[in-house]
């Protein structure tokens, strides 16, 4: 629209769509284009526009125009080949294949054995393209269950799962106890590493 004496303003109105339509109106603005945001994915919306001059004279509504928002991107592909290897008495190393190209990161969950816990808890959130993690502070000679998922704004992938066991402490050998008096003594020994 044009007005030879004053600035023209435009108002874009969402006239058909889902519940997000009511919040997709532009209000009066000087720009003759508008991008509606906060709409639902895979949904159709229809809009009309009207114009007014600075004196408040409004045009009628335009004919309607519609568009369908894009479908959301799919969740990322799941990791595979998870291996959980005990590397010490207190650590397990996790390694997996990063199959995703759209992930925003990886979530690692653990089901610990020694505590009797019956549900997985998140132990780490890693960045894009991660394919390994070292879990530390664990109990010796204990088995832990792990699962790893790729994540993005559309959701989580399936899980890669594995179990790993921390190393047992080294055995002690050659124990000798020598009683020296009624109230004192000594013990010596060595361990095999």
C-alpha atoms as a PDB file:
ATOM      1  CA  UNK A   1       0.000   0.000   0.000  1.00  0.00           C
ATOM      2  CA  UNK A   2       1.124   3.572  -0.545  1.00  0.00           C
ATOM      3  CA  UNK A   3       0.061   6.880   0.934  1.00  0.00           C
ATOM      4  CA  UNK A   4       1.362  10.052  -0.596  1.00  0.00           C
ATOM      5  CA  UNK A   5       1.226  12.048   2.644  1.00  0.00           C
ATOM      6  CA  UNK A   6       2.087   9.694   5.512  1.00  0.00           C
ATOM      7  CA  UNK A   7       3.688   6.437   6.511  1.00  0.00           C
ATOM      8  CA  UNK A   8       1.744   3.222   5.980  1.00  0.00           C
ATOM      9  CA  UNK A   9       1.598   0.484   8.644  1.00  0.00           C
ATOM     10  CA  UNK A  10       0.669  -3.163   8.198  1.00  0.00           C
ATOM     11  CA  UNK A  11      -0.976  -5.741  10.416  1.00  0.00           C
ATOM     12  CA  UNK A  12      -0.655  -9.446   9.634  1.00  0.00           C
ATOM     13  CA  UNK A  13      -3.398 -11.626  11.113  1.00  0.00           C
ATOM     14  CA  UNK A  14      -3.383 -15.399  11.550  1.00  0.00           C
ATOM     15  CA  UNK A  15      -6.945 -16.431  10.663  1.00  0.00           C
ATOM     16  CA  UNK A  16      -6.700 -20.231  10.610  1.00  0.00           C
ATOM     17  CA  UNK A  17      -4.440 -22.774  12.293  1.00  0.00           C
ATOM     18  CA  UNK A  18      -4.023 -24.512  15.616  1.00  0.00           C
ATOM     19  CA  UNK A  19      -3.937 -22.930  19.084  1.00  0.00           C
ATOM     20  CA  UNK A  20      -0.665 -21.120  18.228  1.00  0.00           C
ATOM     21  CA  UNK A  21      -2.507 -19.010  15.639  1.00  0.00           C
ATOM     22  CA  UNK A  22      -3.757 -16.482  18.199  1.00  0.00           C
ATOM     23  CA  UNK A  23      -0.181 -15.580  19.157  1.00  0.00           C
ATOM     24  CA  UNK A  24       1.032 -15.342  15.546  1.00  0.00           C
ATOM     25  CA  UNK A  25      -0.304 -11.853  14.753  1.00  0.00           C
ATOM     26  CA  UNK A  26       2.176  -9.089  13.994  1.00  0.00           C
ATOM     27  CA  UNK A  27       0.417  -6.055  15.421  1.00  0.00           C
ATOM     28  CA  UNK A  28       0.866  -2.792  13.521  1.00  0.00           C
ATOM     29  CA  UNK A  29       4.323  -2.411  11.994  1.00  0.00           C
ATOM     30  CA  UNK A  30       6.008  -0.348   9.308  1.00  0.00           C
ATOM     31  CA  UNK A  31       7.592  -3.363   7.604  1.00  0.00           C
ATOM     32  CA  UNK A  32       5.523  -4.882   4.798  1.00  0.00           C
ATOM     33  CA  UNK A  33       6.704  -8.438   5.574  1.00  0.00           C
ATOM     34  CA  UNK A  34       6.324 -10.603   8.658  1.00  0.00           C
ATOM     35  CA  UNK A  35       7.689 -13.936   9.873  1.00  0.00           C
ATOM     36  CA  UNK A  36       5.449 -15.725  12.357  1.00  0.00           C
ATOM     37  CA  UNK A  37       7.397 -17.671  15.000  1.00  0.00           C
ATOM     38  CA  UNK A  38       6.483 -20.100  17.766  1.00  0.00           C
ATOM     39  CA  UNK A  39       4.208 -22.127  15.478  1.00  0.00           C
ATOM     40  CA  UNK A  40       3.676 -25.874  15.644  1.00  0.00           C
ATOM     41  CA  UNK A  41       5.594 -28.142  13.290  1.00  0.00           C
ATOM     42  CA  UNK A  42       3.782 -29.752  10.356  1.00  0.00           C
ATOM     43  CA  UNK A  43       0.785 -27.424  10.758  1.00  0.00           C
ATOM     44  CA  UNK A  44      -1.094 -25.307   8.249  1.00  0.00           C
ATOM     45  CA  UNK A  45      -1.759 -21.609   8.929  1.00  0.00           C
ATOM     46  CA  UNK A  46      -3.593 -18.913   6.937  1.00  0.00           C
ATOM     47  CA  UNK A  47      -2.907 -15.175   7.119  1.00  0.00           C
ATOM     48  CA  UNK A  48      -4.432 -11.919   5.930  1.00  0.00           C
ATOM     49  CA  UNK A  49      -2.937  -8.433   5.972  1.00  0.00           C
ATOM     50  CA  UNK A  50      -4.435  -4.993   6.225  1.00  0.00           C
ATOM     51  CA  UNK A  51      -2.881  -1.535   6.029  1.00  0.00           C
ATOM     52  CA  UNK A  52      -3.573   1.857   7.599  1.00  0.00           C
ATOM     53  CA  UNK A  53      -2.245   5.383   7.242  1.00  0.00           C
ATOM     54  CA  UNK A  54      -1.253   7.709  10.086  1.00  0.00           C
ATOM     55  CA  UNK A  55      -4.782   9.141  10.157  1.00  0.00           C
ATOM     56  CA  UNK A  56      -6.081   5.678  11.068  1.00  0.00           C
ATOM     57  CA  UNK A  57      -7.738   4.948   7.740  1.00  0.00           C
ATOM     58  CA  UNK A  58      -7.639   1.156   7.237  1.00  0.00           C
ATOM     59  CA  UNK A  59      -7.912  -0.912   4.118  1.00  0.00           C
ATOM     60  CA  UNK A  60     -10.017  -4.024   4.051  1.00  0.00           C
ATOM     61  CA  UNK A  61      -8.317  -7.355   4.684  1.00  0.00           C
ATOM     62  CA  UNK A  62      -6.413  -8.948   1.852  1.00  0.00           C
ATOM     63  CA  UNK A  63      -7.329 -12.321   0.488  1.00  0.00           C
ATOM     64  CA  UNK A  64      -5.868 -15.096   2.641  1.00  0.00           C
ATOM     65  CA  UNK A  65      -2.614 -16.903   1.979  1.00  0.00           C
ATOM     66  CA  UNK A  66      -1.612 -20.133   3.677  1.00  0.00           C
ATOM     67  CA  UNK A  67       1.485 -22.158   4.329  1.00  0.00           C
ATOM     68  CA  UNK A  68       2.437 -25.329   6.196  1.00  0.00           C
ATOM     69  CA  UNK A  69       5.305 -25.294   8.657  1.00  0.00           C
ATOM     70  CA  UNK A  70       8.125 -27.784   8.176  1.00  0.00           C
ATOM     71  CA  UNK A  71       8.175 -31.124   9.930  1.00  0.00           C
ATOM     72  CA  UNK A  72      10.639 -31.279  12.830  1.00  0.00           C
ATOM     73  CA  UNK A  73      13.970 -32.927  12.102  1.00  0.00           C
ATOM     74  CA  UNK A  74      14.134 -36.549  13.221  1.00  0.00           C
ATOM     75  CA  UNK A  75      15.985 -37.601  16.358  1.00  0.00           C
ATOM     76  CA  UNK A  76      19.635 -38.508  15.728  1.00  0.00           C
ATOM     77  CA  UNK A  77      20.762 -42.004  14.804  1.00  0.00           C
ATOM     78  CA  UNK A  78      21.610 -44.198  17.786  1.00  0.00           C
ATOM     79  CA  UNK A  79      25.210 -44.981  18.707  1.00  0.00           C
ATOM     80  CA  UNK A  80      26.295 -48.602  18.333  1.00  0.00           C
ATOM     81  CA  UNK A  81      28.980 -51.005  19.464  1.00  0.00           C
ATOM     82  CA  UNK A  82      29.192 -49.748  23.052  1.00  0.00           C
ATOM     83  CA  UNK A  83      32.067 -51.417  24.914  1.00  0.00           C
ATOM     84  CA  UNK A  84      32.561 -50.999  28.678  1.00  0.00           C
ATOM     85  CA  UNK A  85      36.030 -52.069  29.832  1.00  0.00           C
ATOM     86  CA  UNK A  86      37.341 -52.034  33.389  1.00  0.00           C
ATOM     87  CA  UNK A  87      40.652 -50.154  33.333  1.00  0.00           C
ATOM     88  CA  UNK A  88      41.390 -50.044  37.077  1.00  0.00           C
ATOM     89  CA  UNK A  89      39.812 -50.847  40.429  1.00  0.00           C
ATOM     90  CA  UNK A  90      37.830 -47.597  40.233  1.00  0.00           C
ATOM     91  CA  UNK A  91      37.329 -46.859  36.508  1.00  0.00           C
ATOM     92  CA  UNK A  92      35.517 -48.190  33.439  1.00  0.00           C
ATOM     93  CA  UNK A  93      36.240 -46.888  29.933  1.00  0.00           C
ATOM     94  CA  UNK A  94      33.305 -46.567  27.499  1.00  0.00           C
ATOM     95  CA  UNK A  95      33.725 -46.497  23.707  1.00  0.00           C
ATOM     96  CA  UNK A  96      31.044 -46.454  20.980  1.00  0.00           C
ATOM     97  CA  UNK A  97      30.489 -45.690  17.290  1.00  0.00           C
ATOM     98  CA  UNK A  98      29.125 -42.197  16.612  1.00  0.00           C
ATOM     99  CA  UNK A  99      26.509 -42.859  13.888  1.00  0.00           C
ATOM    100  CA  UNK A 100      24.693 -39.519  14.144  1.00  0.00           C
ATOM    101  CA  UNK A 101      25.160 -36.424  12.034  1.00  0.00           C
ATOM    102  CA  UNK A 102      22.446 -34.265  13.647  1.00  0.00           C
ATOM    103  CA  UNK A 103      23.166 -34.759  17.354  1.00  0.00           C
ATOM    104  CA  UNK A 104      23.742 -31.886  19.745  1.00  0.00           C
ATOM    105  CA  UNK A 105      25.465 -34.245  22.161  1.00  0.00           C
ATOM    106  CA  UNK A 106      25.456 -37.587  23.941  1.00  0.00           C
ATOM    107  CA  UNK A 107      23.917 -38.588  27.277  1.00  0.00           C
ATOM    108  CA  UNK A 108      25.539 -41.379  29.316  1.00  0.00           C
ATOM    109  CA  UNK A 109      23.500 -43.203  31.938  1.00  0.00           C
ATOM    110  CA  UNK A 110      24.611 -45.780  34.499  1.00  0.00           C
ATOM    111  CA  UNK A 111      22.862 -48.438  36.549  1.00  0.00           C
ATOM    112  CA  UNK A 112      25.289 -49.154  39.372  1.00  0.00           C
ATOM    113  CA  UNK A 113      25.503 -52.640  40.798  1.00  0.00           C
ATOM    114  CA  UNK A 114      26.885 -52.192  44.321  1.00  0.00           C
ATOM    115  CA  UNK A 115      24.190 -49.837  45.629  1.00  0.00           C
ATOM    116  CA  UNK A 116      21.180 -51.897  44.546  1.00  0.00           C
ATOM    117  CA  UNK A 117      19.780 -48.952  42.571  1.00  0.00           C
ATOM    118  CA  UNK A 118      17.147 -50.111  40.071  1.00  0.00           C
ATOM    119  CA  UNK A 119      17.030 -47.195  37.631  1.00  0.00           C
ATOM    120  CA  UNK A 120      19.478 -45.512  35.289  1.00  0.00           C
ATOM    121  CA  UNK A 121      20.791 -42.063  36.177  1.00  0.00           C
ATOM    122  CA  UNK A 122      22.626 -39.599  33.954  1.00  0.00           C
ATOM    123  CA  UNK A 123      26.334 -39.459  34.771  1.00  0.00           C
ATOM    124  CA  UNK A 124      27.556 -37.294  31.877  1.00  0.00           C
ATOM    125  CA  UNK A 125      26.411 -35.096  29.000  1.00  0.00           C
ATOM    126  CA  UNK A 126      28.993 -34.906  26.240  1.00  0.00           C
ATOM    127  CA  UNK A 127      29.324 -32.738  23.145  1.00  0.00           C
ATOM    128  CA  UNK A 128      28.880 -33.376  19.447  1.00  0.00           C
ATOM    129  CA  UNK A 129      30.843 -36.279  17.901  1.00  0.00           C
ATOM    130  CA  UNK A 130      31.797 -37.772  21.283  1.00  0.00           C
ATOM    131  CA  UNK A 131      32.617 -41.486  21.160  1.00  0.00           C
ATOM    132  CA  UNK A 132      34.254 -42.257  24.508  1.00  0.00           C
ATOM    133  CA  UNK A 133      33.987 -41.573  28.224  1.00  0.00           C
ATOM    134  CA  UNK A 134      35.984 -42.633  31.298  1.00  0.00           C
ATOM    135  CA  UNK A 135      33.772 -43.312  34.341  1.00  0.00           C
ATOM    136  CA  UNK A 136      35.779 -42.965  37.579  1.00  0.00           C
ATOM    137  CA  UNK A 137      35.239 -43.151  41.332  1.00  0.00           C
ATOM    138  CA  UNK A 138      33.723 -46.644  41.157  1.00  0.00           C
ATOM    139  CA  UNK A 139      33.895 -49.603  43.554  1.00  0.00           C
ATOM    140  CA  UNK A 140      36.465 -52.325  42.933  1.00  0.00           C
ATOM    141  CA  UNK A 141      35.373 -55.674  41.472  1.00  0.00           C
ATOM    142  CA  UNK A 142      31.848 -54.398  40.724  1.00  0.00           C
ATOM    143  CA  UNK A 143      29.694 -54.581  37.602  1.00  0.00           C
ATOM    144  CA  UNK A 144      27.949 -51.516  36.185  1.00  0.00           C
ATOM    145  CA  UNK A 145      25.403 -51.311  33.373  1.00  0.00           C
ATOM    146  CA  UNK A 146      25.633 -48.407  30.913  1.00  0.00           C
ATOM    147  CA  UNK A 147      23.567 -46.931  28.128  1.00  0.00           C
ATOM    148  CA  UNK A 148      24.429 -44.117  25.722  1.00  0.00           C
ATOM    149  CA  UNK A 149      22.041 -42.060  23.556  1.00  0.00           C
ATOM    150  CA  UNK A 150      22.552 -39.304  21.000  1.00  0.00           C
ATOM    151  CA  UNK A 151      20.326 -36.271  21.631  1.00  0.00           C
ATOM    152  CA  UNK A 152      19.047 -33.239  19.750  1.00  0.00           C
ATOM    153  CA  UNK A 153      16.110 -30.819  20.004  1.00  0.00           C
ATOM    154  CA  UNK A 154      13.790 -33.369  18.365  1.00  0.00           C
ATOM    155  CA  UNK A 155      14.452 -36.048  20.962  1.00  0.00           C
ATOM    156  CA  UNK A 156      16.747 -38.897  21.860  1.00  0.00           C
ATOM    157  CA  UNK A 157      18.030 -41.772  19.781  1.00  0.00           C
ATOM    158  CA  UNK A 158      17.737 -45.329  20.934  1.00  0.00           C
ATOM    159  CA  UNK A 159      20.325 -46.565  23.416  1.00  0.00           C
ATOM    160  CA  UNK A 160      23.519 -48.504  22.939  1.00  0.00           C
ATOM    161  CA  UNK A 161      23.990 -50.700  26.031  1.00  0.00           C
ATOM    162  CA  UNK A 162      26.853 -52.558  27.693  1.00  0.00           C
ATOM    163  CA  UNK A 163      28.058 -53.775  31.082  1.00  0.00           C
ATOM    164  CA  UNK A 164      31.529 -53.400  32.526  1.00  0.00           C
ATOM    165  CA  UNK A 165      33.321 -54.595  35.656  1.00  0.00           C
ATOM    166  CA  UNK A 166      36.020 -52.756  37.557  1.00  0.00           C
ATOM    167  CA  UNK A 167      39.226 -54.653  38.284  1.00  0.00           C
ATOM    168  CA  UNK A 168      39.571 -56.628  41.500  1.00  0.00           C
ATOM    169  CA  UNK A 169      42.119 -55.403  44.024  1.00  0.00           C
ATOM    170  CA  UNK A 170      45.416 -57.280  43.892  1.00  0.00           C
ATOM    171  CA  UNK A 171      45.642 -60.339  46.179  1.00  0.00           C
ATOM    172  CA  UNK A 172      47.903 -60.279  49.215  1.00  0.00           C
ATOM    173  CA  UNK A 173      50.311 -63.136  49.900  1.00  0.00           C
ATOM    174  CA  UNK A 174      52.957 -64.173  52.397  1.00  0.00           C
ATOM    175  CA  UNK A 175      51.209 -63.148  55.585  1.00  0.00           C
ATOM    176  CA  UNK A 176      53.312 -63.577  58.706  1.00  0.00           C
ATOM    177  CA  UNK A 177      52.163 -62.743  62.180  1.00  0.00           C
ATOM    178  CA  UNK A 178      54.721 -62.773  64.952  1.00  0.00           C
ATOM    179  CA  UNK A 179      53.649 -62.412  68.527  1.00  0.00           C
ATOM    180  CA  UNK A 180      56.345 -60.586  70.395  1.00  0.00           C
ATOM    181  CA  UNK A 181      54.612 -59.953  73.685  1.00  0.00           C
ATOM    182  CA  UNK A 182      51.166 -60.388  75.117  1.00  0.00           C
ATOM    183  CA  UNK A 183      50.079 -56.924  73.958  1.00  0.00           C
ATOM    184  CA  UNK A 184      52.116 -56.303  70.821  1.00  0.00           C
ATOM    185  CA  UNK A 185      53.021 -57.989  67.533  1.00  0.00           C
ATOM    186  CA  UNK A 186      53.728 -57.330  63.896  1.00  0.00           C
ATOM    187  CA  UNK A 187      52.263 -58.352  60.568  1.00  0.00           C
ATOM    188  CA  UNK A 188      54.062 -58.199  57.259  1.00  0.00           C
ATOM    189  CA  UNK A 189      53.043 -59.150  53.764  1.00  0.00           C
ATOM    190  CA  UNK A 190      53.320 -58.373  50.095  1.00  0.00           C
ATOM    191  CA  UNK A 191      50.893 -58.213  47.198  1.00  0.00           C
ATOM    192  CA  UNK A 192      51.015 -59.372  43.642  1.00  0.00           C
ATOM    193  CA  UNK A 193      50.449 -56.619  41.115  1.00  0.00           C
END
